[in-house]
Amino acid sequence: MTARSKQKPTLRSKTTVRLPGTYNEFITRHPGLGHAHESIAKTVESAGPLDAKSLALIKIGICIGAGLESALRSHVRRAMQHGAKPEEVEQAILLGMNTVGFPRTVAAWSWAQEQFKREI
């Protein structure tokens, strides 16, 4: 581990990570794929200067474009664990309006609102 990676927490550095049940079932059945997935994720997260909050906000945008509700909720939770305020998450979602359209943006906004309620 380099000095830079010690200073910069990654999305996976939190010790209390709640993973979706389906994900847990999948990696229990296919542990090699789970380890490979985590290894790639950690490598990508440490490949540049972005902090964990920025990484999570970017992942939110990716999830909007791909229409991934469960993943979006997960990254909203991670962004907040790393200090993002609901207003920052909402701005990340609103950035999708002109790129992926109103319906996906509103859907993502509603998913985030539900996640905000769970985090209280």
C-alpha atoms as a PDB file:
ATOM      1  CA  MET A   1       0.000   0.000   0.000  1.00  0.00           C
ATOM      2  CA  THR A   2       1.409   3.388  -0.971  1.00  0.00           C
ATOM      3  CA  ALA A   3       1.459   6.460   1.257  1.00  0.00           C
ATOM      4  CA  ARG A   4      -1.201   8.051  -0.946  1.00  0.00           C
ATOM      5  CA  SER A   5      -3.604   5.121  -0.632  1.00  0.00           C
ATOM      6  CA  LYS A   6      -3.186   5.161   3.159  1.00  0.00           C
ATOM      7  CA  GLN A   7      -4.280   8.790   3.233  1.00  0.00           C
ATOM      8  CA  LYS A   8      -7.214   8.399   0.866  1.00  0.00           C
ATOM      9  CA  PRO A   9     -10.086   6.209   2.042  1.00  0.00           C
ATOM     10  CA  THR A  10     -11.749   4.168  -0.672  1.00  0.00           C
ATOM     11  CA  LEU A  11     -15.405   3.280  -0.978  1.00  0.00           C
ATOM     12  CA  ARG A  12     -14.673  -0.081   0.619  1.00  0.00           C
ATOM     13  CA  SER A  13     -12.665   1.200   3.585  1.00  0.00           C
ATOM     14  CA  LYS A  14     -15.631   1.465   5.949  1.00  0.00           C
ATOM     15  CA  THR A  15     -15.799  -1.435   8.385  1.00  0.00           C
ATOM     16  CA  THR A  16     -19.594  -1.387   8.688  1.00  0.00           C
ATOM     17  CA  VAL A  17     -20.702  -2.024   5.124  1.00  0.00           C
ATOM     18  CA  ARG A  18     -24.193  -3.377   4.590  1.00  0.00           C
ATOM     19  CA  LEU A  19     -24.288  -5.326   1.365  1.00  0.00           C
ATOM     20  CA  PRO A  20     -27.488  -6.324  -0.440  1.00  0.00           C
ATOM     21  CA  GLY A  21     -28.700  -9.847   0.271  1.00  0.00           C
ATOM     22  CA  THR A  22     -28.563 -10.875  -3.381  1.00  0.00           C
ATOM     23  CA  TYR A  23     -24.927  -9.775  -3.583  1.00  0.00           C
ATOM     24  CA  ASN A  24     -24.084 -11.740  -0.432  1.00  0.00           C
ATOM     25  CA  GLU A  25     -25.830 -14.845  -1.799  1.00  0.00           C
ATOM     26  CA  PHE A  26     -23.987 -14.535  -5.105  1.00  0.00           C
ATOM     27  CA  ILE A  27     -20.513 -14.200  -3.581  1.00  0.00           C
ATOM     28  CA  THR A  28     -21.248 -17.003  -1.140  1.00  0.00           C
ATOM     29  CA  ARG A  29     -22.024 -19.271  -4.060  1.00  0.00           C
ATOM     30  CA  HIS A  30     -19.227 -17.887  -6.278  1.00  0.00           C
ATOM     31  CA  PRO A  31     -16.482 -16.643  -3.908  1.00  0.00           C
ATOM     32  CA  GLY A  32     -13.825 -16.466  -6.618  1.00  0.00           C
ATOM     33  CA  LEU A  33     -15.929 -14.035  -8.623  1.00  0.00           C
ATOM     34  CA  GLY A  34     -16.640 -12.025  -5.480  1.00  0.00           C
ATOM     35  CA  HIS A  35     -12.913 -11.729  -4.715  1.00  0.00           C
ATOM     36  CA  ALA A  36     -12.116 -10.791  -8.324  1.00  0.00           C
ATOM     37  CA  HIS A  37     -14.860  -8.140  -8.318  1.00  0.00           C
ATOM     38  CA  GLU A  38     -13.581  -6.617  -5.052  1.00  0.00           C
ATOM     39  CA  SER A  39      -9.983  -6.686  -6.277  1.00  0.00           C
ATOM     40  CA  ILE A  40     -10.854  -4.821  -9.472  1.00  0.00           C
ATOM     41  CA  ALA A  41     -12.967  -2.294  -7.537  1.00  0.00           C
ATOM     42  CA  LYS A  42     -10.171  -1.567  -5.050  1.00  0.00           C
ATOM     43  CA  THR A  43      -7.607  -1.239  -7.834  1.00  0.00           C
ATOM     44  CA  VAL A  44      -9.769   1.193  -9.802  1.00  0.00           C
ATOM     45  CA  GLU A  45     -10.614   3.242  -6.692  1.00  0.00           C
ATOM     46  CA  SER A  46      -6.942   3.680  -5.823  1.00  0.00           C
ATOM     47  CA  ALA A  47      -5.865   4.439  -9.409  1.00  0.00           C
ATOM     48  CA  GLY A  48      -6.241   8.191  -9.074  1.00  0.00           C
ATOM     49  CA  PRO A  49      -6.599  11.157  -6.758  1.00  0.00           C
ATOM     50  CA  LEU A  50     -10.374  11.116  -6.179  1.00  0.00           C
ATOM     51  CA  ASP A  51     -11.555  10.684  -2.608  1.00  0.00           C
ATOM     52  CA  ALA A  52     -14.218   8.200  -1.525  1.00  0.00           C
ATOM     53  CA  LYS A  53     -17.033  10.774  -1.508  1.00  0.00           C
ATOM     54  CA  SER A  54     -16.235  11.856  -5.069  1.00  0.00           C
ATOM     55  CA  LEU A  55     -16.025   8.243  -6.203  1.00  0.00           C
ATOM     56  CA  ALA A  56     -19.457   7.496  -4.733  1.00  0.00           C
ATOM     57  CA  LEU A  57     -21.009  10.594  -6.340  1.00  0.00           C
ATOM     58  CA  ILE A  58     -19.596   9.575  -9.724  1.00  0.00           C
ATOM     59  CA  LYS A  59     -20.922   6.046  -9.235  1.00  0.00           C
ATOM     60  CA  ILE A  60     -24.365   7.563  -8.577  1.00  0.00           C
ATOM     61  CA  GLY A  61     -24.193   9.192 -12.010  1.00  0.00           C
ATOM     62  CA  ILE A  62     -23.190   5.925 -13.635  1.00  0.00           C
ATOM     63  CA  CYS A  63     -26.079   4.152 -11.917  1.00  0.00           C
ATOM     64  CA  ILE A  64     -28.547   6.742 -13.212  1.00  0.00           C
ATOM     65  CA  GLY A  65     -27.383   6.233 -16.789  1.00  0.00           C
ATOM     66  CA  ALA A  66     -27.606   2.471 -16.454  1.00  0.00           C
ATOM     67  CA  GLY A  67     -30.931   2.531 -14.571  1.00  0.00           C
ATOM     68  CA  LEU A  68     -29.515   0.563 -11.619  1.00  0.00           C
ATOM     69  CA  GLU A  69     -31.756   1.204  -8.609  1.00  0.00           C
ATOM     70  CA  SER A  70     -30.083  -1.103  -6.091  1.00  0.00           C
ATOM     71  CA  ALA A  71     -26.601   0.097  -7.004  1.00  0.00           C
ATOM     72  CA  LEU A  72     -27.706   3.737  -6.851  1.00  0.00           C
ATOM     73  CA  ARG A  73     -29.068   3.229  -3.344  1.00  0.00           C
ATOM     74  CA  SER A  74     -25.811   1.566  -2.329  1.00  0.00           C
ATOM     75  CA  HIS A  75     -23.731   4.451  -3.651  1.00  0.00           C
ATOM     76  CA  VAL A  76     -26.027   7.033  -2.040  1.00  0.00           C
ATOM     77  CA  ARG A  77     -25.385   5.246   1.258  1.00  0.00           C
ATOM     78  CA  ARG A  78     -21.632   5.149   0.628  1.00  0.00           C
ATOM     79  CA  ALA A  79     -21.518   8.801  -0.393  1.00  0.00           C
ATOM     80  CA  MET A  80     -23.251   9.767   2.842  1.00  0.00           C
ATOM     81  CA  GLN A  81     -20.943   7.510   4.878  1.00  0.00           C
ATOM     82  CA  HIS A  82     -18.070   9.488   3.395  1.00  0.00           C
ATOM     83  CA  GLY A  83     -19.542  12.878   4.240  1.00  0.00           C
ATOM     84  CA  ALA A  84     -21.818  13.768   1.325  1.00  0.00           C
ATOM     85  CA  LYS A  85     -24.855  15.792   2.240  1.00  0.00           C
ATOM     86  CA  PRO A  86     -28.244  15.008   0.678  1.00  0.00           C
ATOM     87  CA  GLU A  87     -27.933  18.235  -1.356  1.00  0.00           C
ATOM     88  CA  GLU A  88     -24.684  16.977  -2.903  1.00  0.00           C
ATOM     89  CA  VAL A  89     -26.279  13.645  -3.788  1.00  0.00           C
ATOM     90  CA  GLU A  90     -29.255  15.446  -5.306  1.00  0.00           C
ATOM     91  CA  GLN A  91     -26.980  17.654  -7.406  1.00  0.00           C
ATOM     92  CA  ALA A  92     -25.153  14.560  -8.685  1.00  0.00           C
ATOM     93  CA  ILE A  93     -28.527  13.121  -9.669  1.00  0.00           C
ATOM     94  CA  LEU A  94     -29.769  16.335 -11.278  1.00  0.00           C
ATOM     95  CA  LEU A  95     -26.680  16.369 -13.519  1.00  0.00           C
ATOM     96  CA  GLY A  96     -28.264  13.438 -15.339  1.00  0.00           C
ATOM     97  CA  MET A  97     -31.243  15.498 -16.533  1.00  0.00           C
ATOM     98  CA  ASN A  98     -29.837  16.657 -19.870  1.00  0.00           C
ATOM     99  CA  THR A  99     -27.817  13.523 -20.517  1.00  0.00           C
ATOM    100  CA  VAL A 100     -30.138  10.623 -19.644  1.00  0.00           C
ATOM    101  CA  GLY A 101     -33.446  12.454 -19.470  1.00  0.00           C
ATOM    102  CA  PHE A 102     -36.192  13.480 -17.106  1.00  0.00           C
ATOM    103  CA  PRO A 103     -37.696  10.020 -16.371  1.00  0.00           C
ATOM    104  CA  ARG A 104     -34.411   8.425 -15.277  1.00  0.00           C
ATOM    105  CA  THR A 105     -33.449  11.498 -13.281  1.00  0.00           C
ATOM    106  CA  VAL A 106     -36.763  11.580 -11.424  1.00  0.00           C
ATOM    107  CA  ALA A 107     -36.603   7.830 -10.794  1.00  0.00           C
ATOM    108  CA  ALA A 108     -33.081   8.166  -9.381  1.00  0.00           C
ATOM    109  CA  TRP A 109     -34.142  11.141  -7.271  1.00  0.00           C
ATOM    110  CA  SER A 110     -37.002   9.092  -5.793  1.00  0.00           C
ATOM    111  CA  TRP A 111     -34.665   6.164  -5.047  1.00  0.00           C
ATOM    112  CA  ALA A 112     -32.286   8.537  -3.290  1.00  0.00           C
ATOM    113  CA  GLN A 113     -35.135  10.035  -1.229  1.00  0.00           C
ATOM    114  CA  GLU A 114     -36.007   6.541  -0.009  1.00  0.00           C
ATOM    115  CA  GLN A 115     -32.362   5.899   0.877  1.00  0.00           C
ATOM    116  CA  PHE A 116     -32.130   9.200   2.760  1.00  0.00           C
ATOM    117  CA  LYS A 117     -35.064   8.074   4.920  1.00  0.00           C
ATOM    118  CA  ARG A 118     -33.331   4.770   5.671  1.00  0.00           C
ATOM    119  CA  GLU A 119     -30.144   6.546   6.737  1.00  0.00           C
ATOM    120  CA  ILE A 120     -31.852   8.713   9.360  1.00  0.00           C
END
